[in-house]
Amino acid sequence: MVRDHAAPGGVIGRSKTVRATSLEMNMKTQSQSELIAQIAESTNTPIKDVEVAYQRACDALRKDAKFHDYLPLFAAKRIAAEFRKPAAR
């Protein structure tokens, strides 16, 4: 028998607890503009660049998505990771 469980700061899961990052936890309660501002601040990227990247990520994910509930989360995670990568030289 597999039980549902959660740990402090974690997400309910089966057979293991997945820890949510502070960005993921904040994404659940933030508006799109607040989320974009947070990513811009945390990555030292102009807000306009983050807005454009966020919209592109949402559009790309929306094409193949069967469920749209988590698109903002996935788009935000995608662009945050993209802006945190070191620039290629």
C-alpha atoms as a PDB file:
ATOM      1  CA  MET A   1       0.000   0.000   0.000  1.00  0.00           C
ATOM      2  CA  VAL A   2       1.360   3.423  -0.986  1.00  0.00           C
ATOM      3  CA  ARG A   3       0.506   6.344   1.249  1.00  0.00           C
ATOM      4  CA  ASP A   4       0.264  10.010   0.431  1.00  0.00           C
ATOM      5  CA  HIS A   5       2.535  12.107   2.548  1.00  0.00           C
ATOM      6  CA  ALA A   6       4.101  15.547   2.712  1.00  0.00           C
ATOM      7  CA  ALA A   7       7.010  17.107   4.500  1.00  0.00           C
ATOM      8  CA  PRO A   8       7.322  20.687   5.710  1.00  0.00           C
ATOM      9  CA  GLY A   9       7.905  22.839   2.635  1.00  0.00           C
ATOM     10  CA  GLY A  10       7.158  19.852   0.427  1.00  0.00           C
ATOM     11  CA  VAL A  11       4.424  18.823  -1.912  1.00  0.00           C
ATOM     12  CA  ILE A  12       2.159  15.849  -1.336  1.00  0.00           C
ATOM     13  CA  GLY A  13       3.467  12.968  -3.380  1.00  0.00           C
ATOM     14  CA  ARG A  14       3.468   9.243  -3.629  1.00  0.00           C
ATOM     15  CA  SER A  15       6.440   7.246  -2.402  1.00  0.00           C
ATOM     16  CA  LYS A  16       8.604  10.358  -2.107  1.00  0.00           C
ATOM     17  CA  THR A  17       8.291  14.003  -1.161  1.00  0.00           C
ATOM     18  CA  VAL A  18       9.188  16.569  -3.758  1.00  0.00           C
ATOM     19  CA  ARG A  19      10.439  19.828  -2.322  1.00  0.00           C
ATOM     20  CA  ALA A  20       9.053  23.004  -3.843  1.00  0.00           C
ATOM     21  CA  THR A  21      11.503  25.841  -4.404  1.00  0.00           C
ATOM     22  CA  SER A  22      10.686  29.271  -3.046  1.00  0.00           C
ATOM     23  CA  LEU A  23      10.027  30.424  -6.622  1.00  0.00           C
ATOM     24  CA  GLU A  24       7.508  27.612  -7.141  1.00  0.00           C
ATOM     25  CA  MET A  25       5.789  28.307  -3.832  1.00  0.00           C
ATOM     26  CA  ASN A  26       5.484  32.018  -4.664  1.00  0.00           C
ATOM     27  CA  MET A  27       4.160  31.247  -8.150  1.00  0.00           C
ATOM     28  CA  LYS A  28       1.024  29.747  -6.667  1.00  0.00           C
ATOM     29  CA  THR A  29      -0.101  33.045  -5.168  1.00  0.00           C
ATOM     30  CA  GLN A  30       1.396  35.686  -7.453  1.00  0.00           C
ATOM     31  CA  SER A  31      -0.098  37.439 -10.410  1.00  0.00           C
ATOM     32  CA  GLN A  32       1.654  37.165 -13.747  1.00  0.00           C
ATOM     33  CA  SER A  33       3.144  40.671 -13.464  1.00  0.00           C
ATOM     34  CA  GLU A  34       4.454  39.980  -9.939  1.00  0.00           C
ATOM     35  CA  LEU A  35       5.957  36.719 -11.109  1.00  0.00           C
ATOM     36  CA  ILE A  36       7.684  38.387 -14.058  1.00  0.00           C
ATOM     37  CA  ALA A  37       9.023  41.122 -11.766  1.00  0.00           C
ATOM     38  CA  GLN A  38      10.383  38.531  -9.320  1.00  0.00           C
ATOM     39  CA  ILE A  39      12.157  36.604 -12.087  1.00  0.00           C
ATOM     40  CA  ALA A  40      13.570  39.850 -13.514  1.00  0.00           C
ATOM     41  CA  GLU A  41      14.888  40.877 -10.103  1.00  0.00           C
ATOM     42  CA  SER A  42      16.323  37.483  -9.183  1.00  0.00           C
ATOM     43  CA  THR A  43      18.121  37.112 -12.519  1.00  0.00           C
ATOM     44  CA  ASN A  44      19.123  40.775 -12.993  1.00  0.00           C
ATOM     45  CA  THR A  45      17.263  40.851 -16.303  1.00  0.00           C
ATOM     46  CA  PRO A  46      15.177  43.755 -17.633  1.00  0.00           C
ATOM     47  CA  ILE A  47      11.452  43.222 -17.052  1.00  0.00           C
ATOM     48  CA  LYS A  48      10.691  43.706 -20.751  1.00  0.00           C
ATOM     49  CA  ASP A  49      13.037  40.827 -21.673  1.00  0.00           C
ATOM     50  CA  VAL A  50      11.412  38.576 -19.077  1.00  0.00           C
ATOM     51  CA  GLU A  51       7.919  39.511 -20.313  1.00  0.00           C
ATOM     52  CA  VAL A  52       8.819  38.607 -23.904  1.00  0.00           C
ATOM     53  CA  ALA A  53      10.455  35.327 -22.872  1.00  0.00           C
ATOM     54  CA  TYR A  54       7.529  34.452 -20.594  1.00  0.00           C
ATOM     55  CA  GLN A  55       5.007  35.030 -23.373  1.00  0.00           C
ATOM     56  CA  ARG A  56       7.046  32.931 -25.827  1.00  0.00           C
ATOM     57  CA  ALA A  57       7.334  30.117 -23.282  1.00  0.00           C
ATOM     58  CA  CYS A  58       3.575  30.208 -22.599  1.00  0.00           C
ATOM     59  CA  ASP A  59       2.808  30.152 -26.319  1.00  0.00           C
ATOM     60  CA  ALA A  60       5.190  27.244 -26.947  1.00  0.00           C
ATOM     61  CA  LEU A  61       3.817  25.212 -24.042  1.00  0.00           C
ATOM     62  CA  ARG A  62       0.186  26.020 -24.884  1.00  0.00           C
ATOM     63  CA  LYS A  63       0.474  24.407 -28.340  1.00  0.00           C
ATOM     64  CA  ASP A  64       0.973  20.902 -26.960  1.00  0.00           C
ATOM     65  CA  ALA A  65      -0.676  21.181 -23.551  1.00  0.00           C
ATOM     66  CA  LYS A  66      -3.692  19.066 -22.733  1.00  0.00           C
ATOM     67  CA  PHE A  67      -4.134  20.830 -19.401  1.00  0.00           C
ATOM     68  CA  HIS A  68      -3.498  24.530 -19.022  1.00  0.00           C
ATOM     69  CA  ASP A  69      -3.647  24.892 -15.233  1.00  0.00           C
ATOM     70  CA  TYR A  70       0.102  24.770 -14.734  1.00  0.00           C
ATOM     71  CA  LEU A  71       1.279  26.606 -17.864  1.00  0.00           C
ATOM     72  CA  PRO A  72       2.273  29.753 -15.943  1.00  0.00           C
ATOM     73  CA  LEU A  73       4.331  27.665 -13.517  1.00  0.00           C
ATOM     74  CA  PHE A  74       6.124  25.748 -16.279  1.00  0.00           C
ATOM     75  CA  ALA A  75       6.712  28.887 -18.351  1.00  0.00           C
ATOM     76  CA  ALA A  76       8.124  30.743 -15.345  1.00  0.00           C
ATOM     77  CA  LYS A  77      10.400  27.846 -14.407  1.00  0.00           C
ATOM     78  CA  ARG A  78      11.601  27.604 -18.006  1.00  0.00           C
ATOM     79  CA  ILE A  79      12.502  31.268 -18.362  1.00  0.00           C
ATOM     80  CA  ALA A  80      14.003  31.554 -14.870  1.00  0.00           C
ATOM     81  CA  ALA A  81      16.334  28.671 -15.709  1.00  0.00           C
ATOM     82  CA  GLU A  82      17.104  30.205 -19.090  1.00  0.00           C
ATOM     83  CA  PHE A  83      18.108  33.557 -17.595  1.00  0.00           C
ATOM     84  CA  ARG A  84      20.185  31.896 -14.866  1.00  0.00           C
ATOM     85  CA  LYS A  85      22.352  30.021 -17.375  1.00  0.00           C
ATOM     86  CA  PRO A  86      25.788  31.533 -17.846  1.00  0.00           C
ATOM     87  CA  ALA A  87      26.110  33.365 -21.146  1.00  0.00           C
ATOM     88  CA  ALA A  88      27.917  31.456 -23.880  1.00  0.00           C
ATOM     89  CA  ARG A  89      31.208  33.039 -24.817  1.00  0.00           C
END
